[in-house]
Amino acid sequence: MVGNGSKRTPGLVSTWCSQTPGREKSTHLEQALNLVAWGGIYLIDDLSPQVGWPEGHEDSVKRLFAELEGRDDFHCVRLAWSSGLLMAVRSQAAGRRAGDSDREGVAEI
């Protein structure tokens, strides 16, 4: 995962996670989400069931959906496109935490 130091700006956080056992999409989720400034986008692919998924991976994806969609600091939408996508946008409420005051005036997505 790559961040841009202490100054967070809206944008796309790029991470990669293999689908090998023990390395599901939710591995290091909190660290990845912490890189996203409010108004920023977190995009996850390969979320529709696939033939090559290891045993138990579908359950991991369901837990990931529940965790992300249950958060109040991200707005999520699932996209039935290609291999299945989820786009999460950090909400404005999250941007009002200590240290994010420099983002005042940026429109909520």
Protein backbone atom coordinates (compact mmCIF):
# COMPACT_ATOMS: atom_id res chain seq x y z
CA MET A 1 0.00 0.00 0.00
CA VAL A 2 1.21 3.44 -0.85
CA GLY A 3 0.19 6.62 0.95
CA ASN A 4 1.10 10.23 0.41
CA GLY A 5 2.47 11.02 3.87
CA SER A 6 0.53 12.94 6.46
CA LYS A 7 -1.25 15.20 3.94
CA ARG A 8 -4.24 13.22 2.72
CA THR A 9 -6.13 14.36 -0.36
CA PRO A 10 -9.12 12.81 -2.13
CA GLY A 11 -8.13 10.24 -4.67
CA LEU A 12 -7.82 6.55 -5.38
CA VAL A 13 -5.92 4.27 -3.02
CA SER A 14 -4.30 1.43 -4.91
CA THR A 15 -3.71 -1.86 -3.11
CA TRP A 16 -3.33 -5.44 -4.22
CA CYS A 17 -4.34 -8.57 -2.40
CA SER A 18 -4.08 -12.09 -3.72
CA GLN A 19 -6.89 -14.57 -3.28
CA THR A 20 -4.72 -17.26 -1.73
CA PRO A 21 -5.99 -18.80 1.51
CA GLY A 22 -5.35 -16.45 4.42
CA ARG A 23 -4.98 -13.42 2.12
CA GLU A 24 -8.60 -12.56 1.35
CA LYS A 25 -9.84 -9.13 0.24
CA SER A 26 -10.33 -8.08 3.86
CA THR A 27 -6.68 -8.63 4.81
CA HIS A 28 -5.28 -5.25 5.98
CA LEU A 29 -8.60 -3.55 5.20
CA GLU A 30 -8.33 -1.04 8.04
CA GLN A 31 -4.83 0.05 6.96
CA ALA A 32 -6.01 0.52 3.37
CA LEU A 33 -9.08 2.51 4.42
CA ASN A 34 -6.96 4.73 6.65
CA LEU A 35 -5.13 5.92 3.51
CA VAL A 36 -8.35 7.28 2.00
CA ALA A 37 -9.06 10.97 2.70
CA TRP A 38 -12.69 12.07 2.85
CA GLY A 39 -14.06 12.33 -0.64
CA GLY A 40 -11.49 9.72 -1.72
CA ILE A 41 -12.36 6.43 -3.40
CA TYR A 42 -11.56 2.84 -2.45
CA LEU A 43 -12.34 0.39 -5.28
CA ILE A 44 -12.32 -3.40 -4.94
CA ASP A 45 -12.68 -5.83 -7.85
CA ASP A 46 -13.22 -9.58 -8.32
CA LEU A 47 -16.18 -9.69 -5.94
CA SER A 48 -18.61 -11.78 -8.02
CA PRO A 49 -18.40 -15.55 -7.42
CA GLN A 50 -15.80 -17.16 -9.67
CA VAL A 51 -14.93 -20.75 -10.51
CA GLY A 52 -11.32 -20.49 -9.28
CA TRP A 53 -12.09 -19.09 -5.81
CA PRO A 54 -10.57 -21.09 -2.96
CA GLU A 55 -12.94 -22.73 -0.49
CA GLY A 56 -14.37 -20.20 1.95
CA HIS A 57 -13.56 -17.16 -0.18
CA GLU A 58 -17.22 -16.40 -0.92
CA ASP A 59 -17.84 -16.15 2.84
CA SER A 60 -14.88 -13.76 3.14
CA VAL A 61 -16.38 -11.53 0.42
CA LYS A 62 -19.75 -11.53 2.21
CA ARG A 63 -18.03 -10.47 5.46
CA LEU A 64 -16.18 -7.74 3.54
CA PHE A 65 -19.49 -6.41 2.16
CA ALA A 66 -21.04 -6.42 5.62
CA GLU A 67 -18.04 -4.66 7.18
CA LEU A 68 -17.77 -1.94 4.54
CA GLU A 69 -21.51 -1.35 4.19
CA GLY A 70 -21.88 -1.18 7.97
CA ARG A 71 -19.41 1.70 8.36
CA ASP A 72 -20.63 5.25 8.78
CA ASP A 73 -17.42 6.77 7.41
CA PHE A 74 -17.83 5.29 3.90
CA HIS A 75 -20.67 5.25 1.39
CA CYS A 76 -20.61 2.04 -0.66
CA VAL A 77 -22.10 0.93 -3.94
CA ARG A 78 -21.79 -2.50 -5.54
CA LEU A 79 -21.40 -2.61 -9.31
CA ALA A 80 -22.44 -5.71 -11.29
CA TRP A 81 -19.80 -5.06 -13.93
CA SER A 82 -16.98 -7.28 -15.14
CA SER A 83 -15.79 -9.42 -12.20
CA GLY A 84 -17.88 -7.47 -9.67
CA LEU A 85 -16.84 -4.18 -8.08
CA LEU A 86 -17.45 -2.28 -4.88
CA MET A 87 -16.76 1.44 -4.73
CA ALA A 88 -16.46 3.01 -1.29
CA VAL A 89 -16.21 6.79 -0.90
CA ARG A 90 -15.12 8.22 2.44
CA SER A 91 -17.95 10.38 3.75
CA GLN A 92 -17.68 14.01 4.78
CA ALA A 93 -18.38 13.11 8.41
CA ALA A 94 -15.10 11.19 8.47
CA GLY A 95 -13.28 14.26 7.13
CA ARG A 96 -14.27 16.25 10.17
CA ARG A 97 -12.05 14.19 12.43
CA ALA A 98 -9.03 15.83 14.04
CA GLY A 99 -6.28 16.45 11.50
CA ASP A 100 -8.57 16.73 8.49
CA SER A 101 -9.63 20.36 8.97
CA ASP A 102 -7.62 21.38 5.88
CA ARG A 103 -10.33 19.75 3.76
CA GLU A 104 -12.99 22.38 4.66
CA GLY A 105 -15.02 23.46 1.65
CA VAL A 106 -14.57 20.27 -0.38
CA ALA A 107 -17.94 18.97 -1.57
CA GLU A 108 -19.24 15.73 -0.14
CA ILE A 109 -19.54 12.94 -2.69
